[in-house]
Amino acid sequence: MEIVLALGIGALAGSGIWLILRPRTFQVIIGLSLLSYGVNLFIVAMGRLQTGTAPVLATHAAGDPAHYADPLPQALVLTAIVIGFATTALFLVVLLASRGLTGTDHVDGREPER
């Protein structure tokens, strides 16, 4: 399970960085989104990979904290997903306005030579 998660994080981060380095604005936005997904998976992985465990300790029973998942990374990732969705929507609105004003979505304002 850990190797699959590590490969997924690496693939998302690598493709996100590759798209961020592209000259088109839309590709940069998609690259930022992929990179944020990779970071979110990394944060969840830091909270221990356990399936079938309770997220918090029960109040009536004290137990070993090693048997429970850490709720903090889950809360951080949930917040990051909401903020990432909002910023992606904002970036897309700015992209559409920029394309309407300049007629292109190329970073330097010129179309690439063919």
N, C-alpha and C. Protein backbone atom coordinates (compact mmCIF):
# COMPACT_ATOMS: atom_id res chain seq x y z
N MET A 1 0.82 -1.19 0.00
CA MET A 1 0.00 0.00 0.00
C MET A 1 0.87 1.27 0.00
N GLU A 2 1.95 1.24 0.77
CA GLU A 2 2.80 2.43 0.86
C GLU A 2 3.49 2.75 -0.46
N ILE A 3 3.90 1.71 -1.19
CA ILE A 3 4.58 1.95 -2.46
C ILE A 3 3.62 2.54 -3.50
N VAL A 4 2.37 2.10 -3.48
CA VAL A 4 1.37 2.65 -4.41
C VAL A 4 1.12 4.12 -4.09
N LEU A 5 1.00 4.44 -2.80
CA LEU A 5 0.79 5.83 -2.40
C LEU A 5 2.00 6.69 -2.76
N ALA A 6 3.19 6.17 -2.53
CA ALA A 6 4.41 6.92 -2.87
C ALA A 6 4.51 7.16 -4.37
N LEU A 7 4.17 6.16 -5.17
CA LEU A 7 4.18 6.34 -6.63
C LEU A 7 3.12 7.35 -7.07
N GLY A 8 1.97 7.31 -6.45
CA GLY A 8 0.92 8.28 -6.77
C GLY A 8 1.33 9.70 -6.43
N ILE A 9 1.94 9.88 -5.26
CA ILE A 9 2.41 11.20 -4.87
C ILE A 9 3.49 11.68 -5.83
N GLY A 10 4.42 10.80 -6.19
CA GLY A 10 5.48 11.17 -7.12
C GLY A 10 4.95 11.51 -8.50
N ALA A 11 3.98 10.75 -8.98
CA ALA A 11 3.41 11.02 -10.30
C ALA A 11 2.66 12.34 -10.32
N LEU A 12 1.86 12.61 -9.28
CA LEU A 12 1.12 13.87 -9.23
C LEU A 12 2.07 15.06 -9.10
N ALA A 13 3.06 14.95 -8.23
CA ALA A 13 4.00 16.06 -8.05
C ALA A 13 4.85 16.27 -9.31
N GLY A 14 5.34 15.20 -9.90
CA GLY A 14 6.16 15.33 -11.10
C GLY A 14 5.41 15.91 -12.28
N SER A 15 4.19 15.42 -12.53
CA SER A 15 3.42 15.96 -13.64
C SER A 15 2.95 17.38 -13.35
N GLY A 16 2.69 17.69 -12.07
CA GLY A 16 2.32 19.06 -11.72
C GLY A 16 3.45 20.03 -11.96
N ILE A 17 4.66 19.67 -11.57
CA ILE A 17 5.82 20.54 -11.80
C ILE A 17 6.09 20.69 -13.29
N TRP A 18 5.94 19.60 -14.04
CA TRP A 18 6.17 19.68 -15.49
C TRP A 18 5.16 20.63 -16.13
N LEU A 19 3.90 20.57 -15.69
CA LEU A 19 2.89 21.47 -16.27
C LEU A 19 3.09 22.91 -15.82
N ILE A 20 3.59 23.12 -14.61
CA ILE A 20 3.84 24.49 -14.14
C ILE A 20 4.91 25.16 -15.01
N LEU A 21 5.85 24.39 -15.53
CA LEU A 21 6.93 24.95 -16.35
C LEU A 21 6.51 25.18 -17.81
N ARG A 22 5.28 24.84 -18.18
CA ARG A 22 4.81 25.06 -19.54
C ARG A 22 4.47 26.53 -19.76
N PRO A 23 4.47 27.03 -21.01
CA PRO A 23 4.25 28.46 -21.24
C PRO A 23 2.78 28.89 -21.27
N ARG A 24 1.84 27.95 -21.28
CA ARG A 24 0.42 28.32 -21.38
C ARG A 24 -0.19 28.45 -19.99
N THR A 25 -1.05 29.43 -19.82
CA THR A 25 -1.63 29.71 -18.51
C THR A 25 -2.51 28.57 -18.02
N PHE A 26 -3.31 27.99 -18.88
CA PHE A 26 -4.19 26.90 -18.47
C PHE A 26 -3.38 25.70 -17.97
N GLN A 27 -2.28 25.40 -18.63
CA GLN A 27 -1.43 24.30 -18.19
C GLN A 27 -0.80 24.59 -16.83
N VAL A 28 -0.48 25.83 -16.56
CA VAL A 28 0.07 26.21 -15.26
C VAL A 28 -0.98 26.00 -14.17
N ILE A 29 -2.22 26.37 -14.44
CA ILE A 29 -3.30 26.20 -13.47
C ILE A 29 -3.53 24.72 -13.17
N ILE A 30 -3.56 23.89 -14.19
CA ILE A 30 -3.74 22.45 -13.99
C ILE A 30 -2.54 21.88 -13.24
N GLY A 31 -1.34 22.35 -13.54
CA GLY A 31 -0.14 21.90 -12.83
C GLY A 31 -0.18 22.24 -11.35
N LEU A 32 -0.65 23.44 -11.02
CA LEU A 32 -0.80 23.82 -9.62
C LEU A 32 -1.81 22.92 -8.91
N SER A 33 -2.89 22.59 -9.59
CA SER A 33 -3.89 21.70 -9.00
C SER A 33 -3.31 20.31 -8.75
N LEU A 34 -2.60 19.76 -9.72
CA LEU A 34 -2.00 18.43 -9.55
C LEU A 34 -0.97 18.42 -8.43
N LEU A 35 -0.18 19.48 -8.35
CA LEU A 35 0.81 19.57 -7.28
C LEU A 35 0.14 19.65 -5.91
N SER A 36 -0.96 20.38 -5.83
CA SER A 36 -1.67 20.46 -4.54
C SER A 36 -2.29 19.12 -4.17
N TYR A 37 -2.76 18.35 -5.16
CA TYR A 37 -3.29 17.01 -4.87
C TYR A 37 -2.18 16.10 -4.33
N GLY A 38 -1.00 16.20 -4.92
CA GLY A 38 0.13 15.41 -4.44
C GLY A 38 0.52 15.78 -3.02
N VAL A 39 0.52 17.06 -2.71
CA VAL A 39 0.85 17.51 -1.35
C VAL A 39 -0.22 17.04 -0.37
N ASN A 40 -1.48 17.08 -0.77
CA ASN A 40 -2.56 16.60 0.09
C ASN A 40 -2.40 15.11 0.40
N LEU A 41 -2.06 14.32 -0.60
CA LEU A 41 -1.82 12.89 -0.35
C LEU A 41 -0.63 12.68 0.58
N PHE A 42 0.39 13.51 0.42
CA PHE A 42 1.56 13.40 1.29
C PHE A 42 1.19 13.72 2.74
N ILE A 43 0.38 14.73 2.95
CA ILE A 43 -0.03 15.09 4.31
C ILE A 43 -0.87 13.98 4.93
N VAL A 44 -1.77 13.38 4.15
CA VAL A 44 -2.57 12.27 4.67
C VAL A 44 -1.67 11.09 5.02
N ALA A 45 -0.66 10.84 4.20
CA ALA A 45 0.25 9.73 4.47
C ALA A 45 1.05 9.96 5.75
N MET A 46 1.30 11.21 6.10
CA MET A 46 2.04 11.50 7.33
C MET A 46 1.21 11.19 8.57
N GLY A 47 -0.10 11.08 8.42
CA GLY A 47 -0.96 10.76 9.56
C GLY A 47 -1.10 9.28 9.80
N ARG A 48 -0.23 8.47 9.28
CA ARG A 48 -0.21 7.01 9.39
C ARG A 48 -1.23 6.37 8.46
N LEU A 49 -0.81 5.38 7.75
CA LEU A 49 -1.71 4.63 6.86
C LEU A 49 -2.29 3.46 7.63
N GLN A 50 -3.49 3.62 8.13
CA GLN A 50 -4.18 2.54 8.82
C GLN A 50 -5.60 2.50 8.32
N THR A 51 -6.10 1.33 8.08
CA THR A 51 -7.49 1.18 7.66
C THR A 51 -8.28 0.51 8.76
N GLY A 52 -9.52 0.89 8.90
CA GLY A 52 -10.41 0.27 9.87
C GLY A 52 -10.15 0.70 11.30
N THR A 53 -9.55 1.88 11.51
CA THR A 53 -9.32 2.35 12.87
C THR A 53 -10.14 3.61 13.11
N ALA A 54 -10.44 3.86 14.37
CA ALA A 54 -11.20 5.04 14.73
C ALA A 54 -10.32 6.29 14.60
N PRO A 55 -10.89 7.42 14.18
CA PRO A 55 -10.07 8.63 14.03
C PRO A 55 -9.69 9.28 15.35
N VAL A 56 -10.48 9.10 16.39
CA VAL A 56 -10.18 9.70 17.69
C VAL A 56 -10.43 8.69 18.80
N LEU A 57 -9.89 8.97 19.96
CA LEU A 57 -10.08 8.09 21.11
C LEU A 57 -11.51 8.21 21.65
N ALA A 58 -12.07 7.13 22.10
CA ALA A 58 -13.39 7.15 22.73
C ALA A 58 -13.24 7.72 24.14
N THR A 59 -14.27 8.41 24.61
CA THR A 59 -14.18 9.05 25.92
C THR A 59 -14.28 8.05 27.06
N HIS A 60 -14.98 6.95 26.85
CA HIS A 60 -15.18 6.00 27.94
C HIS A 60 -14.06 4.97 28.05
N ALA A 61 -13.19 4.90 27.08
CA ALA A 61 -12.14 3.89 27.13
C ALA A 61 -10.80 4.53 26.77
N ALA A 62 -9.85 4.38 27.66
CA ALA A 62 -8.50 4.85 27.36
C ALA A 62 -7.77 3.73 26.63
N GLY A 63 -6.99 4.11 25.65
CA GLY A 63 -6.28 3.10 24.87
C GLY A 63 -4.94 3.60 24.42
N ASP A 64 -4.26 2.74 23.73
CA ASP A 64 -2.96 3.08 23.18
C ASP A 64 -3.16 3.99 21.97
N PRO A 65 -2.58 5.20 21.95
CA PRO A 65 -2.76 6.10 20.81
C PRO A 65 -2.21 5.55 19.50
N ALA A 66 -1.34 4.55 19.56
CA ALA A 66 -0.80 3.97 18.34
C ALA A 66 -1.86 3.21 17.55
N HIS A 67 -2.99 2.89 18.18
CA HIS A 67 -4.06 2.15 17.50
C HIS A 67 -5.07 3.07 16.82
N TYR A 68 -4.86 4.36 16.89
CA TYR A 68 -5.81 5.31 16.34
C TYR A 68 -5.17 6.17 15.27
N ALA A 69 -5.97 6.60 14.32
CA ALA A 69 -5.48 7.49 13.27
C ALA A 69 -5.41 8.91 13.82
N ASP A 70 -4.51 9.70 13.27
CA ASP A 70 -4.34 11.09 13.69
C ASP A 70 -5.35 11.95 12.92
N PRO A 71 -6.25 12.66 13.60
CA PRO A 71 -7.27 13.45 12.89
C PRO A 71 -6.75 14.77 12.34
N LEU A 72 -5.61 15.27 12.81
CA LEU A 72 -5.12 16.57 12.36
C LEU A 72 -4.78 16.60 10.87
N PRO A 73 -4.04 15.62 10.31
CA PRO A 73 -3.78 15.67 8.86
C PRO A 73 -5.06 15.59 8.03
N GLN A 74 -6.04 14.85 8.51
CA GLN A 74 -7.31 14.76 7.78
C GLN A 74 -8.01 16.11 7.74
N ALA A 75 -8.00 16.83 8.87
CA ALA A 75 -8.62 18.15 8.91
C ALA A 75 -7.85 19.15 8.05
N LEU A 76 -6.52 19.08 8.07
CA LEU A 76 -5.71 19.98 7.24
C LEU A 76 -5.96 19.75 5.76
N VAL A 77 -6.06 18.50 5.36
CA VAL A 77 -6.29 18.19 3.94
C VAL A 77 -7.69 18.62 3.51
N LEU A 78 -8.66 18.43 4.36
CA LEU A 78 -10.02 18.87 4.03
C LEU A 78 -10.05 20.38 3.81
N THR A 79 -9.37 21.12 4.68
CA THR A 79 -9.29 22.57 4.51
C THR A 79 -8.52 22.93 3.24
N ALA A 80 -7.45 22.21 2.95
CA ALA A 80 -6.66 22.49 1.75
C ALA A 80 -7.45 22.20 0.47
N ILE A 81 -8.31 21.20 0.49
CA ILE A 81 -9.13 20.90 -0.68
C ILE A 81 -10.09 22.05 -0.97
N VAL A 82 -10.73 22.57 0.07
CA VAL A 82 -11.68 23.67 -0.11
C VAL A 82 -10.96 24.93 -0.60
N ILE A 83 -9.82 25.25 0.01
CA ILE A 83 -9.07 26.43 -0.41
C ILE A 83 -8.52 26.25 -1.83
N GLY A 84 -8.04 25.04 -2.15
CA GLY A 84 -7.54 24.77 -3.50
C GLY A 84 -8.62 24.90 -4.56
N PHE A 85 -9.83 24.45 -4.25
CA PHE A 85 -10.93 24.58 -5.21
C PHE A 85 -11.25 26.05 -5.44
N ALA A 86 -11.28 26.84 -4.37
CA ALA A 86 -11.59 28.27 -4.51
C ALA A 86 -10.52 29.00 -5.31
N THR A 87 -9.25 28.71 -5.04
CA THR A 87 -8.19 29.40 -5.79
C THR A 87 -8.14 28.95 -7.24
N THR A 88 -8.45 27.70 -7.51
CA THR A 88 -8.50 27.25 -8.91
C THR A 88 -9.61 27.96 -9.66
N ALA A 89 -10.77 28.11 -9.02
CA ALA A 89 -11.87 28.84 -9.65
C ALA A 89 -11.47 30.30 -9.90
N LEU A 90 -10.80 30.92 -8.95
CA LEU A 90 -10.34 32.30 -9.13
C LEU A 90 -9.34 32.39 -10.27
N PHE A 91 -8.38 31.46 -10.33
CA PHE A 91 -7.40 31.46 -11.42
C PHE A 91 -8.07 31.31 -12.78
N LEU A 92 -9.09 30.45 -12.86
CA LEU A 92 -9.78 30.26 -14.13
C LEU A 92 -10.54 31.51 -14.56
N VAL A 93 -11.13 32.23 -13.61
CA VAL A 93 -11.81 33.48 -13.94
C VAL A 93 -10.80 34.52 -14.43
N VAL A 94 -9.66 34.61 -13.76
CA VAL A 94 -8.62 35.54 -14.20
C VAL A 94 -8.10 35.13 -15.58
N LEU A 95 -7.95 33.83 -15.83
CA LEU A 95 -7.51 33.35 -17.15
C LEU A 95 -8.50 33.77 -18.23
N LEU A 96 -9.79 33.60 -17.98
CA LEU A 96 -10.79 33.98 -18.98
C LEU A 96 -10.78 35.49 -19.22
N ALA A 97 -10.62 36.29 -18.16
CA ALA A 97 -10.56 37.74 -18.34
C ALA A 97 -9.30 38.13 -19.11
N SER A 98 -8.18 37.50 -18.79
CA SER A 98 -6.93 37.80 -19.49
C SER A 98 -7.02 37.41 -20.96
N ARG A 99 -7.61 36.27 -21.23
CA ARG A 99 -7.75 35.85 -22.62
C ARG A 99 -8.69 36.78 -23.38
N GLY A 100 -9.72 37.26 -22.71
CA GLY A 100 -10.62 38.21 -23.37
C GLY A 100 -9.95 39.53 -23.68
N LEU A 101 -9.05 39.98 -22.83
CA LEU A 101 -8.37 41.26 -23.04
C LEU A 101 -7.22 41.16 -24.04
N THR A 102 -6.45 40.06 -23.97
CA THR A 102 -5.27 39.96 -24.82
C THR A 102 -5.48 39.09 -26.05
N GLY A 103 -6.45 38.21 -26.03
CA GLY A 103 -6.70 37.33 -27.16
C GLY A 103 -5.86 36.07 -27.15
N THR A 104 -5.05 35.85 -26.11
CA THR A 104 -4.23 34.65 -26.01
C THR A 104 -4.08 34.28 -24.55
N ASP A 105 -3.74 33.02 -24.29
CA ASP A 105 -3.46 32.61 -22.92
C ASP A 105 -1.99 32.25 -22.74
N HIS A 106 -1.18 32.69 -23.67
CA HIS A 106 0.26 32.45 -23.59
C HIS A 106 0.85 33.39 -22.53
N VAL A 107 1.85 32.93 -21.80
CA VAL A 107 2.38 33.68 -20.66
C VAL A 107 2.95 35.03 -21.08
N ASP A 108 3.74 35.09 -22.16
CA ASP A 108 4.35 36.35 -22.54
C ASP A 108 3.47 37.17 -23.49
N GLY A 109 2.25 36.71 -23.74
CA GLY A 109 1.32 37.47 -24.57
C GLY A 109 1.45 37.21 -26.05
N ARG A 110 2.42 36.41 -26.46
CA ARG A 110 2.60 36.11 -27.88
C ARG A 110 2.28 34.64 -28.12
N GLU A 111 1.80 34.37 -29.28
CA GLU A 111 1.57 32.98 -29.68
C GLU A 111 2.92 32.35 -30.03
N PRO A 112 3.13 31.08 -29.68
CA PRO A 112 4.41 30.44 -30.04
C PRO A 112 4.54 30.28 -31.55
N GLU A 113 5.78 30.37 -32.00
CA GLU A 113 6.04 30.21 -33.43
C GLU A 113 5.86 28.76 -33.82
N ARG A 114 5.34 28.55 -35.00
CA ARG A 114 5.10 27.17 -35.46
C ARG A 114 6.00 26.81 -36.58
